[in-house]
Amino acid sequence: MSESRYDVGMKTRRSVLGDAHVDRATQKITEIDEGFQRYITENVWNGVWTSDAFTKRERSIVTIALLAGLGHEEELAMHIRATLNTGATREDIRETLMHVAVYAGVPAANTAFRIAKQTYAEIDAASDASPKGE
């Protein structure tokens, strides 16, 4: 028996965003956004994010460029954190945001660089705080 679109989408969503993020998001679902959450899981995470046309790294870079260019700050920070799972490097993101500056404008890139720096500082602080296996 094949997996449902929702199940495949949820696996992809977890692989990109991480279990902790998805668990927090799904715990907040109410009757208001239940249909929307099902829609994005089945159509975004199962549809777009599972296509073989791009790798997860490439898809992550494109997503970050679009979110930065459109000014979606919260989603941008979330997808920058997701690069830990997609393989997009800090250099990839720096180059992506340079493209944002050229094609979407310096103010959009300036905001995106600020968010990237803040998000990477949070990632680094969490990494420094986690116990090291010595």
Protein backbone atom coordinates (compact mmCIF):
# COMPACT_ATOMS: atom_id res chain seq x y z
CA MET A 1 0.00 0.00 0.00
CA SER A 2 1.46 3.34 -0.98
CA GLU A 3 1.81 6.22 1.44
CA SER A 4 -0.73 9.01 1.29
CA ARG A 5 0.18 12.44 -0.10
CA TYR A 6 -0.06 13.75 3.45
CA ASP A 7 2.33 11.12 4.87
CA VAL A 8 4.91 11.69 2.13
CA GLY A 9 4.57 15.44 2.58
CA MET A 10 4.99 15.18 6.33
CA LYS A 11 8.17 13.10 5.93
CA THR A 12 9.60 15.70 3.55
CA ARG A 13 8.52 18.57 5.79
CA ARG A 14 10.25 16.94 8.76
CA SER A 15 13.40 16.22 6.76
CA VAL A 16 13.70 19.88 5.75
CA LEU A 17 12.42 21.78 8.79
CA GLY A 18 13.24 19.26 11.50
CA ASP A 19 11.02 17.35 13.90
CA ALA A 20 11.04 20.02 16.62
CA HIS A 21 9.76 22.73 14.27
CA VAL A 22 7.09 20.52 12.71
CA ASP A 23 5.97 19.24 16.12
CA ARG A 24 5.56 22.84 17.36
CA ALA A 25 3.65 23.81 14.21
CA THR A 26 1.33 20.81 14.28
CA GLN A 27 0.56 21.28 17.98
CA LYS A 28 -0.75 24.76 17.16
CA ILE A 29 -3.21 23.60 14.47
CA THR A 30 -6.80 24.66 15.10
CA GLU A 31 -10.02 24.33 13.13
CA ILE A 32 -9.14 27.65 11.48
CA ASP A 33 -5.94 26.45 9.82
CA GLU A 34 -6.42 22.67 9.76
CA GLY A 35 -7.32 22.62 6.06
CA PHE A 36 -4.46 25.00 5.21
CA GLN A 37 -1.94 22.83 7.07
CA ARG A 38 -3.17 19.74 5.22
CA TYR A 39 -2.98 21.67 1.93
CA ILE A 40 0.65 22.76 2.40
CA THR A 41 1.69 19.33 3.60
CA GLU A 42 0.10 17.55 0.63
CA ASN A 43 0.87 20.11 -2.09
CA VAL A 44 3.98 22.00 -1.04
CA TRP A 45 5.91 19.39 0.93
CA ASN A 46 4.69 16.38 -1.07
CA GLY A 47 4.41 18.19 -4.40
CA VAL A 48 7.03 20.85 -4.91
CA TRP A 49 9.63 19.69 -2.37
CA THR A 50 9.63 16.04 -3.57
CA SER A 51 10.22 16.78 -7.25
CA ASP A 52 13.47 15.40 -8.65
CA ALA A 53 14.04 18.55 -10.73
CA PHE A 54 16.01 20.25 -7.91
CA THR A 55 17.96 18.89 -4.99
CA LYS A 56 16.85 19.96 -1.53
CA ARG A 57 19.91 22.26 -1.46
CA GLU A 58 18.87 23.95 -4.71
CA ARG A 59 15.24 24.18 -3.64
CA SER A 60 16.35 25.70 -0.33
CA ILE A 61 18.39 28.37 -2.15
CA VAL A 62 15.49 29.26 -4.45
CA THR A 63 13.08 29.40 -1.51
CA ILE A 64 15.37 31.70 0.46
CA ALA A 65 15.78 34.04 -2.53
CA LEU A 66 12.02 34.26 -3.00
CA LEU A 67 11.25 34.78 0.67
CA ALA A 68 13.94 37.46 0.94
CA GLY A 69 12.77 39.23 -2.20
CA LEU A 70 9.16 39.18 -1.04
CA GLY A 71 10.01 40.31 2.49
CA HIS A 72 8.68 37.27 4.34
CA GLU A 73 10.99 37.60 7.33
CA GLU A 74 9.64 34.86 9.61
CA GLU A 75 9.59 32.28 6.84
CA LEU A 76 13.06 33.43 5.74
CA ALA A 77 14.54 32.75 9.18
CA MET A 78 12.82 29.34 9.26
CA HIS A 79 14.29 28.37 5.88
CA ILE A 80 17.75 29.63 6.82
CA ARG A 81 17.57 27.31 9.85
CA ALA A 82 16.45 24.53 7.51
CA THR A 83 19.72 24.79 5.57
CA LEU A 84 21.20 22.62 8.33
CA ASN A 85 19.05 19.84 6.82
CA THR A 86 19.14 20.74 3.12
CA GLY A 87 22.88 21.11 2.59
CA ALA A 88 22.80 24.76 1.52
CA THR A 89 25.91 26.41 2.96
CA ARG A 90 26.40 29.86 4.40
CA GLU A 91 28.33 30.71 1.24
CA ASP A 92 25.30 29.58 -0.83
CA ILE A 93 23.06 31.86 1.22
CA ARG A 94 25.46 34.80 0.99
CA GLU A 95 25.53 34.46 -2.82
CA THR A 96 21.76 34.04 -2.91
CA LEU A 97 21.26 37.26 -0.96
CA MET A 98 23.64 39.09 -3.30
CA HIS A 99 21.33 38.05 -6.14
CA VAL A 100 18.39 39.32 -4.11
CA ALA A 101 20.14 42.70 -3.90
CA VAL A 102 20.47 42.88 -7.68
CA TYR A 103 17.08 41.50 -8.69
CA ALA A 104 14.79 42.40 -5.78
CA GLY A 105 16.54 45.45 -4.38
CA VAL A 106 19.11 46.46 -1.81
CA PRO A 107 16.56 47.11 0.98
CA ALA A 108 15.20 43.56 0.66
CA ALA A 109 18.72 42.13 0.69
CA ASN A 110 19.75 44.34 3.61
CA THR A 111 16.86 42.98 5.67
CA ALA A 112 17.61 39.43 4.56
CA PHE A 113 21.29 39.75 5.51
CA ARG A 114 20.25 41.02 8.94
CA ILE A 115 17.94 38.04 9.40
CA ALA A 116 20.60 35.61 8.14
CA LYS A 117 23.21 37.00 10.54
CA GLN A 118 20.79 36.82 13.46
CA THR A 119 19.65 33.31 12.56
CA TYR A 120 23.20 32.00 12.13
CA ALA A 121 24.18 33.61 15.47
CA GLU A 122 21.31 31.72 17.11
CA ILE A 123 22.38 28.48 15.42
CA ASP A 124 25.98 29.00 16.54
CA ALA A 125 24.94 29.82 20.11
CA ALA A 126 22.80 26.69 20.30
CA SER A 127 25.66 24.63 18.88
CA ASP A 128 28.11 26.09 21.42
CA ALA A 129 25.67 25.37 24.24
CA SER A 130 25.07 21.73 23.32
CA PRO A 131 27.15 19.12 25.13
CA LYS A 132 30.18 17.88 23.23
CA GLY A 133 30.90 14.20 23.04
CA GLU A 134 34.42 14.06 24.39
